[in-house]
Amino acid sequence: MNFPVRCVVAVWAVAGLAGLAGCGQPAAMNASTANVRHIAQGEFADQVTRAAGPVVVDFYATWCGPCRQLAPQLDAQADAFAGRIRFFKVNVDESPGLAQNFQIQAIPTVLFFKDGKLADRVTGLPAEADLKAKLTALAGGK
């Protein structure tokens, strides 16, 4: 069964002007950063589902505006939680089997794993405080 993945699009209005932070840009998102490693389907089991401890996985697409907004926020949180939580990102266009396996129907979707088991998920662009609270809980409240 194929699940269509849709982009959760942000709509904004400023001084009477409406805008849409939609879908369409950089392949640079596929590059790993100092804090968040890009992985493909073949690496997922070793890095996530067989991993001991907490792991966060961002399912994204390069054409998704909210995904582009989440990337620097997640990177900053990964720096703050370095040594306590491992962070990865998966491009749904490159790894559709993973997206289907975890029933990713909208992006961004962030999955939170504890000792290889799915513990929580957030779909859409989370508020920074909400993301930090989930990460703190995943890290054991430290």
Protein backbone atom coordinates (compact mmCIF):
# COMPACT_ATOMS: atom_id res chain seq x y z
CA MET A 1 0.00 0.00 0.00
CA ASN A 2 1.37 3.42 -0.93
CA PHE A 3 0.79 6.39 1.33
CA PRO A 4 0.89 9.78 -0.37
CA VAL A 5 3.13 12.24 1.47
CA ARG A 6 1.92 15.80 1.62
CA CYS A 7 3.75 18.90 2.68
CA VAL A 8 2.32 20.63 5.74
CA VAL A 9 2.30 24.15 4.39
CA ALA A 10 2.55 27.24 6.56
CA VAL A 11 0.29 30.17 5.72
CA TRP A 12 1.13 33.65 6.97
CA ALA A 13 -0.30 37.13 6.82
CA VAL A 14 1.64 40.32 7.52
CA ALA A 15 0.36 43.88 7.02
CA GLY A 16 -2.49 42.66 4.87
CA LEU A 17 -0.24 40.53 2.63
CA ALA A 18 -0.87 36.82 2.56
CA GLY A 19 1.84 34.33 1.79
CA LEU A 20 2.50 30.66 1.51
CA ALA A 21 5.66 28.95 2.74
CA GLY A 22 5.20 26.05 0.43
CA CYS A 23 7.12 23.50 -1.47
CA GLY A 24 10.13 23.96 -3.75
CA GLN A 25 13.93 24.20 -3.01
CA PRO A 26 17.42 23.23 -1.88
CA ALA A 27 19.04 19.89 -2.28
CA ALA A 28 21.55 21.09 0.34
CA MET A 29 19.10 19.74 2.90
CA ASN A 30 20.33 16.26 2.00
CA ALA A 31 23.77 17.03 3.39
CA SER A 32 24.57 16.00 6.93
CA THR A 33 25.32 18.81 9.36
CA ALA A 34 27.59 18.72 12.39
CA ASN A 35 24.60 17.67 14.48
CA VAL A 36 22.13 15.84 12.24
CA ARG A 37 23.21 13.01 9.96
CA HIS A 38 21.40 12.23 6.70
CA ILE A 39 20.78 8.48 6.41
CA ALA A 40 19.27 6.25 3.76
CA GLN A 41 17.02 3.25 4.10
CA GLY A 42 19.93 0.79 4.25
CA GLU A 43 21.39 2.49 7.34
CA PHE A 44 18.14 2.95 9.25
CA ALA A 45 18.09 -0.33 11.19
CA ASP A 46 21.66 -0.02 12.44
CA GLN A 47 21.39 3.66 13.31
CA VAL A 48 17.84 3.77 14.68
CA THR A 49 15.90 0.58 15.34
CA ARG A 50 18.90 -1.37 16.69
CA ALA A 51 20.32 1.61 18.58
CA ALA A 52 20.55 1.81 22.33
CA GLY A 53 19.35 5.07 23.83
CA PRO A 54 17.32 7.94 22.40
CA VAL A 55 17.26 8.72 18.67
CA VAL A 56 15.35 11.39 16.75
CA VAL A 57 14.58 11.07 13.04
CA ASP A 58 13.31 13.94 10.88
CA PHE A 59 11.39 12.76 7.79
CA TYR A 60 11.54 15.59 5.24
CA ALA A 61 11.69 16.52 1.56
CA THR A 62 13.83 19.18 -0.08
CA TRP A 63 10.77 20.77 -1.71
CA CYS A 64 8.91 21.23 1.61
CA GLY A 65 8.95 24.76 3.07
CA PRO A 66 8.11 23.75 6.66
CA CYS A 67 10.84 21.09 6.44
CA ARG A 68 13.33 23.81 5.53
CA GLN A 69 12.12 25.82 8.53
CA LEU A 70 12.52 22.86 10.89
CA ALA A 71 16.05 21.92 9.78
CA PRO A 72 17.97 24.72 11.57
CA GLN A 73 15.76 24.42 14.65
CA LEU A 74 16.43 20.67 14.85
CA ASP A 75 20.14 21.25 14.22
CA ALA A 76 20.30 23.69 17.15
CA GLN A 77 18.48 21.26 19.43
CA ALA A 78 20.81 18.46 18.32
CA ASP A 79 23.73 20.61 19.46
CA ALA A 80 22.05 21.26 22.82
CA PHE A 81 21.38 17.52 23.32
CA ALA A 82 24.75 16.31 21.99
CA GLY A 83 25.89 13.17 23.77
CA ARG A 84 22.37 12.43 25.04
CA ILE A 85 20.31 12.03 21.84
CA ARG A 86 21.41 11.01 18.33
CA PHE A 87 19.75 12.92 15.45
CA PHE A 88 19.15 11.72 11.89
CA LYS A 89 17.15 12.87 8.88
CA VAL A 90 15.55 10.84 6.11
CA ASN A 91 14.48 12.22 2.73
CA VAL A 92 11.08 10.67 1.97
CA ASP A 93 11.69 10.95 -1.77
CA GLU A 94 14.88 8.90 -1.49
CA SER A 95 13.55 6.38 1.06
CA PRO A 96 9.86 5.90 0.29
CA GLY A 97 9.88 2.44 1.90
CA LEU A 98 10.81 3.95 5.26
CA ALA A 99 8.15 6.62 4.90
CA GLN A 100 5.59 3.92 4.16
CA ASN A 101 6.80 1.67 6.98
CA PHE A 102 6.37 4.47 9.54
CA GLN A 103 3.14 5.73 7.94
CA ILE A 104 4.56 9.16 7.16
CA GLN A 105 1.63 10.86 5.48
CA ALA A 106 2.67 14.50 6.00
CA ILE A 107 6.02 16.19 6.37
CA PRO A 108 7.86 17.25 8.32
CA THR A 109 7.33 14.34 10.68
CA VAL A 110 9.75 13.83 13.55
CA LEU A 111 9.92 10.38 15.15
CA PHE A 112 11.31 9.85 18.64
CA PHE A 113 12.84 6.43 19.41
CA LYS A 114 13.95 5.00 22.74
CA ASP A 115 16.14 1.89 22.55
CA GLY A 116 14.98 1.16 19.01
CA LYS A 117 11.26 1.47 19.75
CA LEU A 118 9.07 4.29 18.48
CA ALA A 119 8.13 6.37 21.53
CA ASP A 120 6.50 9.50 20.06
CA ARG A 121 5.96 11.51 16.88
CA VAL A 122 5.24 15.07 15.81
CA THR A 123 3.76 15.91 12.42
CA GLY A 124 4.08 19.43 11.09
CA LEU A 125 6.29 22.27 12.28
CA PRO A 126 6.43 22.11 16.09
CA ALA A 127 6.83 25.15 18.30
CA GLU A 128 10.41 25.37 19.54
CA ALA A 129 9.31 25.01 23.20
CA ASP A 130 7.23 21.92 22.38
CA LEU A 131 10.14 20.30 20.54
CA LYS A 132 12.52 21.05 23.39
CA ALA A 133 10.07 19.57 25.94
CA LYS A 134 9.77 16.35 23.93
CA LEU A 135 13.54 16.12 23.58
CA THR A 136 14.05 16.73 27.30
CA ALA A 137 11.58 13.94 28.10
CA LEU A 138 13.25 11.60 25.60
CA ALA A 139 16.68 12.35 27.10
CA GLY A 140 15.38 11.37 30.53
CA GLY A 141 14.54 14.83 31.84
CA LYS A 142 18.14 15.96 32.22
